C-alpha atoms as a PDB file:
ATOM      1  CA  MET A   1      19.599 -15.973  -6.822  1.00  0.00           C
ATOM      2  CA  LYS A   2      16.010 -16.838  -8.338  1.00  0.00           C
ATOM      3  CA  LYS A   3      13.683 -14.149  -7.610  1.00  0.00           C
ATOM      4  CA  PRO A   4      10.445 -15.426  -5.331  1.00  0.00           C
ATOM      5  CA  THR A   5       7.039 -15.781  -7.267  1.00  0.00           C
ATOM      6  CA  ILE A   6       4.566 -12.990  -6.972  1.00  0.00           C
ATOM      7  CA  ILE A   7       1.261 -14.207  -6.492  1.00  0.00           C
ATOM      8  CA  TRP A   8      -1.587 -11.849  -7.462  1.00  0.00           C
ATOM      9  CA  ASP A   9      -5.280 -11.587  -6.827  1.00  0.00           C
ATOM     10  CA  PHE A  10      -7.189  -9.821  -9.050  1.00  0.00           C
ATOM     11  CA  ASP A  11     -10.397  -7.660  -8.285  1.00  0.00           C
ATOM     12  CA  GLY A  12      -9.530  -5.129  -5.557  1.00  0.00           C
ATOM     13  CA  THR A  13      -5.955  -5.794  -6.147  1.00  0.00           C
ATOM     14  CA  LEU A  14      -4.645  -5.303  -9.896  1.00  0.00           C
ATOM     15  CA  LEU A  15      -8.159  -4.045 -10.876  1.00  0.00           C
ATOM     16  CA  PRO A  16      -9.556  -1.478  -8.525  1.00  0.00           C
ATOM     17  CA  ASN A  17     -12.906  -1.957  -7.100  1.00  0.00           C
ATOM     18  CA  ASP A  18     -14.340   1.421  -8.217  1.00  0.00           C
ATOM     19  CA  PRO A  19     -16.864   0.705  -6.954  1.00  0.00           C
ATOM     20  CA  TYR A  20     -17.577  -2.610  -8.638  1.00  0.00           C
ATOM     21  CA  ASP A  21     -15.590  -5.631  -9.184  1.00  0.00           C
ATOM     22  CA  SER A  22     -15.177  -7.330 -12.514  1.00  0.00           C
ATOM     23  CA  GLU A  23     -17.858  -9.831 -12.117  1.00  0.00           C
ATOM     24  CA  GLN A  24     -20.381  -7.329 -10.715  1.00  0.00           C
ATOM     25  CA  SER A  25     -19.718  -5.255 -13.588  1.00  0.00           C
ATOM     26  CA  LEU A  26     -20.443  -8.032 -15.991  1.00  0.00           C
ATOM     27  CA  LEU A  27     -23.903  -8.505 -14.643  1.00  0.00           C
ATOM     28  CA  ILE A  28     -24.819  -4.617 -14.770  1.00  0.00           C
ATOM     29  CA  PHE A  29     -23.875  -4.490 -18.163  1.00  0.00           C
ATOM     30  CA  GLN A  30     -25.522  -7.643 -19.312  1.00  0.00           C
ATOM     31  CA  MET A  31     -28.716  -6.376 -17.262  1.00  0.00           C
ATOM     32  CA  GLN A  32     -28.692  -3.124 -19.039  1.00  0.00           C
ATOM     33  CA  GLN A  33     -28.121  -4.531 -22.565  1.00  0.00           C
ATOM     34  CA  SER A  34     -30.709  -2.793 -25.076  1.00  0.00           C
ATOM     35  CA  SER A  35     -30.418  -5.656 -27.881  1.00  0.00           C
ATOM     36  CA  TYR A  36     -32.618  -7.986 -25.939  1.00  0.00           C
ATOM     37  CA  LYS A  37     -35.255  -7.035 -23.355  1.00  0.00           C
ATOM     38  CA  VAL A  38     -34.044  -8.541 -19.754  1.00  0.00           C
ATOM     39  CA  PRO A  39     -37.070  -9.913 -17.707  1.00  0.00           C
ATOM     40  CA  LEU A  40     -37.524  -7.770 -14.683  1.00  0.00           C
ATOM     41  CA  HIS A  41     -37.147 -10.696 -12.215  1.00  0.00           C
ATOM     42  CA  LYS A  42     -33.688 -11.318 -13.755  1.00  0.00           C
ATOM     43  CA  LYS A  43     -32.782  -7.641 -12.925  1.00  0.00           C
ATOM     44  CA  ILE A  44     -34.055  -7.794  -9.436  1.00  0.00           C
ATOM     45  CA  ALA A  45     -32.096 -10.812  -8.993  1.00  0.00           C
ATOM     46  CA  ALA A  46     -28.728  -9.697 -10.418  1.00  0.00           C
ATOM     47  CA  ARG A  47     -29.116  -6.566  -8.110  1.00  0.00           C
ATOM     48  CA  GLY A  48     -29.845  -8.536  -5.271  1.00  0.00           C
ATOM     49  CA  ILE A  49     -26.573 -10.719  -5.593  1.00  0.00           C
ATOM     50  CA  ILE A  50     -24.384  -7.542  -6.392  1.00  0.00           C
ATOM     51  CA  TYR A  51     -25.411  -5.839  -3.301  1.00  0.00           C
ATOM     52  CA  ALA A  52     -24.849  -9.118  -1.442  1.00  0.00           C
ATOM     53  CA  ASP A  53     -21.527  -9.621  -2.867  1.00  0.00           C
ATOM     54  CA  ARG A  54     -20.383  -6.458  -2.038  1.00  0.00           C
ATOM     55  CA  LYS A  55     -21.386  -6.643   1.543  1.00  0.00           C
ATOM     56  CA  GLU A  56     -19.270 -10.085   1.152  1.00  0.00           C
ATOM     57  CA  TRP A  57     -22.552 -11.976   2.298  1.00  0.00           C
ATOM     58  CA  LEU A  58     -22.414 -14.507  -0.286  1.00  0.00           C
ATOM     59  CA  PRO A  59     -19.026 -16.856  -0.408  1.00  0.00           C
ATOM     60  CA  GLY A  60     -17.850 -18.937  -3.131  1.00  0.00           C
ATOM     61  CA  LYS A  61     -20.560 -21.007  -4.667  1.00  0.00           C
ATOM     62  CA  TYR A  62     -23.709 -19.064  -3.072  1.00  0.00           C
ATOM     63  CA  PHE A  63     -22.802 -15.807  -5.395  1.00  0.00           C
ATOM     64  CA  LYS A  64     -21.219 -17.964  -8.416  1.00  0.00           C
ATOM     65  CA  TRP A  65     -24.325 -20.137  -8.956  1.00  0.00           C
ATOM     66  CA  PRO A  66     -26.792 -17.246  -9.342  1.00  0.00           C
ATOM     67  CA  TYR A  67     -24.088 -15.275 -11.298  1.00  0.00           C
ATOM     68  CA  VAL A  68     -23.554 -17.929 -13.910  1.00  0.00           C
ATOM     69  CA  ARG A  69     -27.523 -18.764 -14.314  1.00  0.00           C
ATOM     70  CA  LEU A  70     -28.209 -15.061 -14.803  1.00  0.00           C
ATOM     71  CA  LEU A  71     -25.214 -15.031 -17.770  1.00  0.00           C
ATOM     72  CA  LYS A  72     -26.251 -17.981 -19.509  1.00  0.00           C
ATOM     73  CA  SER A  73     -26.880 -17.758 -23.145  1.00  0.00           C
ATOM     74  CA  THR A  74     -24.932 -14.075 -22.834  1.00  0.00           C
ATOM     75  CA  PRO A  75     -22.913 -13.814 -26.368  1.00  0.00           C
ATOM     76  CA  VAL A  76     -19.297 -14.035 -25.544  1.00  0.00           C
ATOM     77  CA  HIS A  77     -18.474 -10.491 -27.166  1.00  0.00           C
ATOM     78  CA  ILE A  78     -19.806  -8.742 -24.215  1.00  0.00           C
ATOM     79  CA  LEU A  79     -16.828 -10.100 -22.334  1.00  0.00           C
ATOM     80  CA  ASP A  80     -14.605  -7.929 -24.381  1.00  0.00           C
ATOM     81  CA  GLN A  81     -16.840  -4.772 -24.140  1.00  0.00           C
ATOM     82  CA  VAL A  82     -16.785  -5.167 -20.555  1.00  0.00           C
ATOM     83  CA  ALA A  83     -13.165  -5.920 -20.178  1.00  0.00           C
ATOM     84  CA  GLU A  84     -12.099  -2.839 -22.713  1.00  0.00           C
ATOM     85  CA  LYS A  85     -14.103  -0.543 -20.125  1.00  0.00           C
ATOM     86  CA  LEU A  86     -12.648  -1.927 -16.907  1.00  0.00           C
ATOM     87  CA  ALA A  87      -8.842  -1.864 -18.052  1.00  0.00           C
ATOM     88  CA  LYS A  88      -9.260   2.096 -17.936  1.00  0.00           C
ATOM     89  CA  LYS A  89      -9.830   1.748 -14.413  1.00  0.00           C
ATOM     90  CA  ILE A  90      -6.007   0.466 -14.073  1.00  0.00           C
ATOM     91  CA  SER A  91      -3.936   3.513 -13.954  1.00  0.00           C
ATOM     92  CA  GLU A  92      -1.034   4.303 -16.227  1.00  0.00           C
ATOM     93  CA  THR A  93       1.350   4.359 -13.269  1.00  0.00           C
ATOM     94  CA  ASP A  94      -0.171   0.633 -11.987  1.00  0.00           C
ATOM     95  CA  ARG A  95       0.599  -0.507 -15.702  1.00  0.00           C
ATOM     96  CA  SER A  96       3.830   0.994 -15.614  1.00  0.00           C
ATOM     97  CA  SER A  97       4.735  -0.592 -12.237  1.00  0.00           C
ATOM     98  CA  VAL A  98       3.555  -4.472 -13.509  1.00  0.00           C
ATOM     99  CA  ARG A  99       5.848  -3.904 -16.452  1.00  0.00           C
ATOM    100  CA  GLU A 100       8.637  -2.982 -14.269  1.00  0.00           C
ATOM    101  CA  LEU A 101       8.343  -5.725 -11.765  1.00  0.00           C
ATOM    102  CA  SER A 102       8.347  -7.979 -15.189  1.00  0.00           C
ATOM    103  CA  ARG A 103      11.499  -6.385 -16.351  1.00  0.00           C
ATOM    104  CA  ARG A 104      13.194  -6.768 -13.136  1.00  0.00           C
ATOM    105  CA  GLY A 105      12.587 -10.490 -13.539  1.00  0.00           C
ATOM    106  CA  TYR A 106       9.596 -11.625 -11.167  1.00  0.00           C
ATOM    107  CA  ASP A 107       7.697 -14.449 -12.325  1.00  0.00           C
ATOM    108  CA  MET A 108       3.721 -13.313 -11.718  1.00  0.00           C
ATOM    109  CA  LEU A 109       0.683 -15.160 -11.803  1.00  0.00           C
ATOM    110  CA  VAL A 110      -3.001 -14.545 -10.853  1.00  0.00           C
ATOM    111  CA  ILE A 111      -4.904 -16.492  -8.481  1.00  0.00           C
ATOM    112  CA  SER A 112      -8.374 -15.231  -8.108  1.00  0.00           C
ATOM    113  CA  CYS A 113     -11.612 -16.414  -7.039  1.00  0.00           C
ATOM    114  CA  GLY A 114     -13.213 -14.459  -9.957  1.00  0.00           C
ATOM    115  CA  THR A 115     -13.613 -15.343 -13.541  1.00  0.00           C
ATOM    116  CA  ALA A 116     -10.419 -16.049 -15.609  1.00  0.00           C
ATOM    117  CA  ASP A 117     -12.270 -14.700 -18.686  1.00  0.00           C
ATOM    118  CA  LEU A 118     -12.625 -11.496 -17.545  1.00  0.00           C
ATOM    119  CA  SER A 119      -9.181 -10.993 -15.669  1.00  0.00           C
ATOM    120  CA  GLN A 120      -7.573 -12.487 -18.781  1.00  0.00           C
ATOM    121  CA  ARG A 121      -9.120  -9.893 -21.026  1.00  0.00           C
ATOM    122  CA  VAL A 122      -8.726  -6.595 -18.605  1.00  0.00           C
ATOM    123  CA  LEU A 123      -5.082  -7.473 -18.445  1.00  0.00           C
ATOM    124  CA  GLU A 124      -4.774  -7.971 -22.223  1.00  0.00           C
ATOM    125  CA  PHE A 125      -6.917  -4.642 -22.637  1.00  0.00           C
ATOM    126  CA  ALA A 126      -4.281  -2.732 -20.379  1.00  0.00           C
ATOM    127  CA  GLY A 127      -1.578  -4.186 -21.872  1.00  0.00           C
ATOM    128  CA  ILE A 128       0.218  -6.042 -19.278  1.00  0.00           C
ATOM    129  CA  GLY A 129      -1.675  -9.468 -20.230  1.00  0.00           C
ATOM    130  CA  ASN A 130       2.152 -10.805 -20.907  1.00  0.00           C
ATOM    131  CA  CYS A 131       3.479  -9.671 -17.602  1.00  0.00           C
ATOM    132  CA  PHE A 132       1.897 -12.735 -16.124  1.00  0.00           C
ATOM    133  CA  SER A 133       2.594 -16.359 -16.907  1.00  0.00           C
ATOM    134  CA  HIS A 134      -0.624 -17.813 -15.576  1.00  0.00           C
ATOM    135  CA  ILE A 135      -3.886 -16.772 -14.429  1.00  0.00           C
ATOM    136  CA  MET A 136      -5.924 -19.220 -12.111  1.00  0.00           C
ATOM    137  CA  ALA A 137      -9.764 -18.688 -11.699  1.00  0.00           C
ATOM    138  CA  ASN A 138     -12.811 -20.112 -12.766  1.00  0.00           C
ATOM    139  CA  ARG A 139     -13.761 -20.291 -16.479  1.00  0.00           C
ATOM    140  CA  PHE A 140     -16.557 -20.041 -18.460  1.00  0.00           C
ATOM    141  CA  THR A 141     -17.882 -22.967 -20.488  1.00  0.00           C
ATOM    142  CA  ILE A 142     -18.955 -21.649 -23.864  1.00  0.00           C
ATOM    143  CA  LYS A 143     -21.208 -22.918 -26.673  1.00  0.00           C
ATOM    144  CA  ASN A 144     -22.016 -21.549 -30.000  1.00  0.00           C
ATOM    145  CA  SER A 145     -20.293 -18.432 -29.132  1.00  0.00           C
ATOM    146  CA  ARG A 146     -22.528 -18.024 -25.701  1.00  0.00           C
ATOM    147  CA  ILE A 147     -21.957 -18.527 -22.036  1.00  0.00           C
ATOM    148  CA  GLN A 148     -23.613 -21.974 -20.932  1.00  0.00           C
ATOM    149  CA  GLY A 149     -21.652 -22.373 -17.684  1.00  0.00           C
ATOM    150  CA  MET A 150     -18.676 -22.539 -15.551  1.00  0.00           C
ATOM    151  CA  ARG A 151     -15.584 -24.717 -14.634  1.00  0.00           C
ATOM    152  CA  TYR A 152     -15.239 -23.659 -11.149  1.00  0.00           C
ATOM    153  CA  SER A 153     -11.545 -24.435  -9.927  1.00  0.00           C
ATOM    154  CA  ILE A 154     -11.452 -21.541  -7.038  1.00  0.00           C
ATOM    155  CA  LEU A 155     -14.538 -20.938  -5.162  1.00  0.00           C
ATOM    156  CA  ALA A 156     -13.102 -20.537  -1.565  1.00  0.00           C
ATOM    157  CA  PRO A 157     -10.235 -18.685  -0.323  1.00  0.00           C
ATOM    158  CA  LYS A 158      -8.659 -21.834   0.887  1.00  0.00           C
ATOM    159  CA  ASP A 159      -8.580 -23.040  -2.852  1.00  0.00           C
ATOM    160  CA  LYS A 160      -5.916 -20.451  -3.523  1.00  0.00           C
ATOM    161  CA  LEU A 161      -3.549 -22.431  -1.444  1.00  0.00           C
ATOM    162  CA  ALA A 162      -4.398 -25.865  -3.518  1.00  0.00           C
ATOM    163  CA  ALA A 163      -3.819 -23.917  -6.739  1.00  0.00           C
ATOM    164  CA  ILE A 164      -0.349 -22.833  -5.633  1.00  0.00           C
ATOM    165  CA  GLU A 165       0.492 -26.300  -5.125  1.00  0.00           C
ATOM    166  CA  ALA A 166      -1.014 -27.481  -8.369  1.00  0.00           C
ATOM    167  CA  ARG A 167       1.777 -25.142  -9.989  1.00  0.00           C
ATOM    168  CA  HIS A 168       4.417 -26.926  -7.855  1.00  0.00           C
ATOM    169  CA  LEU A 169       5.157 -23.596  -5.914  1.00  0.00           C
ATOM    170  CA  CYS A 170       6.107 -23.223  -2.090  1.00  0.00           C
ATOM    171  CA  PRO A 171       4.128 -20.671  -0.252  1.00  0.00           C
ATOM    172  CA  GLU A 172       7.242 -20.086   1.691  1.00  0.00           C
ATOM    173  CA  ALA A 173       9.020 -18.991  -0.986  1.00  0.00           C
ATOM    174  CA  CYS A 174       6.518 -16.630  -2.738  1.00  0.00           C
ATOM    175  CA  ILE A 175       5.176 -12.943  -2.422  1.00  0.00           C
ATOM    176  CA  GLY A 176       1.377 -12.550  -2.214  1.00  0.00           C
ATOM    177  CA  ILE A 177      -0.448  -9.705  -3.055  1.00  0.00           C
ATOM    178  CA  GLY A 178      -4.133  -9.193  -2.249  1.00  0.00           C
ATOM    179  CA  ASP A 179      -6.741  -6.605  -0.805  1.00  0.00           C
ATOM    180  CA  GLY A 180      -9.495  -8.634   1.195  1.00  0.00           C
ATOM    181  CA  TYR A 181     -10.833 -12.034   3.118  1.00  0.00           C
ATOM    182  CA  THR A 182     -10.563 -14.058   0.081  1.00  0.00           C
ATOM    183  CA  ASP A 183      -6.890 -13.589   0.207  1.00  0.00           C
ATOM    184  CA  ILE A 184      -5.868 -13.984   4.175  1.00  0.00           C
ATOM    185  CA  PRO A 185      -5.386 -17.822   3.804  1.00  0.00           C
ATOM    186  CA  LEU A 186      -3.117 -16.909   0.943  1.00  0.00           C
ATOM    187  CA  LEU A 187      -1.482 -14.111   2.469  1.00  0.00           C
ATOM    188  CA  ASP A 188      -1.122 -15.932   6.111  1.00  0.00           C
ATOM    189  CA  SER A 189       0.863 -18.681   4.221  1.00  0.00           C
ATOM    190  CA  VAL A 190       3.213 -16.934   1.968  1.00  0.00           C
ATOM    191  CA  LYS A 191       6.793 -15.393   2.796  1.00  0.00           C
ATOM    192  CA  PHE A 192       6.123 -12.024   2.199  1.00  0.00           C
ATOM    193  CA  PRO A 193       2.270 -11.075   2.570  1.00  0.00           C
ATOM    194  CA  ILE A 194       1.147  -7.575   1.113  1.00  0.00           C
ATOM    195  CA  LEU A 195      -2.458  -6.234   1.751  1.00  0.00           C
ATOM    196  CA  ILE A 196      -3.292  -3.189  -1.038  1.00  0.00           C
ATOM    197  CA  ASP A 197      -5.318  -0.756   1.130  1.00  0.00           C
ATOM    198  CA  ARG A 198      -6.326   2.194  -1.383  1.00  0.00           C
ATOM    199  CA  THR A 199      -8.475   3.862   1.235  1.00  0.00           C
ATOM    200  CA  GLY A 200      -7.128   3.080   4.546  1.00  0.00           C
ATOM    201  CA  ALA A 201      -9.936   1.057   5.770  1.00  0.00           C
ATOM    202  CA  LYS A 202      -7.962  -2.216   6.343  1.00  0.00           C
ATOM    203  CA  ARG A 203      -5.226  -0.747   8.782  1.00  0.00           C
ATOM    204  CA  ARG A 204      -6.498  -2.839  11.509  1.00  0.00           C
ATOM    205  CA  LEU A 205      -6.365  -6.140   9.554  1.00  0.00           C
ATOM    206  CA  ALA A 206      -3.093  -5.264   8.462  1.00  0.00           C
ATOM    207  CA  LYS A 207      -1.603  -4.763  11.846  1.00  0.00           C
ATOM    208  CA  THR A 208      -3.448  -7.908  13.419  1.00  0.00           C
ATOM    209  CA  LYS A 209      -2.075 -10.091  10.810  1.00  0.00           C
ATOM    210  CA  GLY A 210       1.305  -8.563  10.197  1.00  0.00           C
ATOM    211  CA  TYR A 211       0.717  -7.939   6.649  1.00  0.00           C
ATOM    212  CA  HIS A 212       2.823  -5.270   4.689  1.00  0.00           C
ATOM    213  CA  ALA A 213       0.286  -2.629   3.643  1.00  0.00           C
ATOM    214  CA  ILE A 214       0.659  -0.442   0.754  1.00  0.00           C
ATOM    215  CA  ALA A 215      -1.759   2.136  -0.579  1.00  0.00           C
ATOM    216  CA  SER A 216      -0.993   1.492  -4.181  1.00  0.00           C
ATOM    217  CA  ILE A 217       0.984  -0.568  -6.612  1.00  0.00           C
ATOM    218  CA  PRO A 218       4.016   1.433  -7.322  1.00  0.00           C
ATOM    219  CA  GLU A 219       4.733   1.385  -3.797  1.00  0.00           C
ATOM    220  CA  LEU A 220       5.585  -2.225  -4.549  1.00  0.00           C
ATOM    221  CA  LEU A 221       8.757  -1.159  -6.489  1.00  0.00           C
ATOM    222  CA  SER A 222      10.460   0.107  -3.383  1.00  0.00           C
ATOM    223  CA  LEU A 223       9.245  -2.330  -0.718  1.00  0.00           C
ATOM    224  CA  LEU A 224      10.810  -5.026  -3.112  1.00  0.00           C
ATOM    225  CA  ASP A 225      14.148  -3.031  -3.624  1.00  0.00           C
END
């Protein structure tokens, strides 16, 4: 019998937010670069949208538009530098668990409202990139090895469902794994919704929604036995 497809979120799920997610971390790194002087107004703007994003005040395009504007003309090699640092946040036990799920025959993909260019690099630096058949998220447009803009495909939580349909997957036959509000439409639609709650702060959400709650990725191995 074919195993169900596992659909992962990225930030806060595969990559712990400790304390910043991948996009916030990229902005911070870019603003701290010593290779060129970043104008003060850009630093202030970056701090503002990072704070608002962490408070979940900037859904979808309201974060992405200033995020991309602040990153315009940034050298692409910075993505590798940031991703290598972020990959260290994924523990060896988490990496081993992802590899074990792949070994058991689960097809796994990432569907995220984040930046695919970062997600893919982080997973590759963590040594688990080949465990995922596809990464669906927003991608930078690049010219002359510099970021120029972004191709938007998953701006809102509901866009994750459209991404599933684009892959000709039936949500009722999938396992969904997420950590927060951007995952709710997906978790509400899949057969087996799993909420990763590393701190215990989302117990009420899991209980209200009827999600399976886990505190770490290794718990999946027993949950899916």
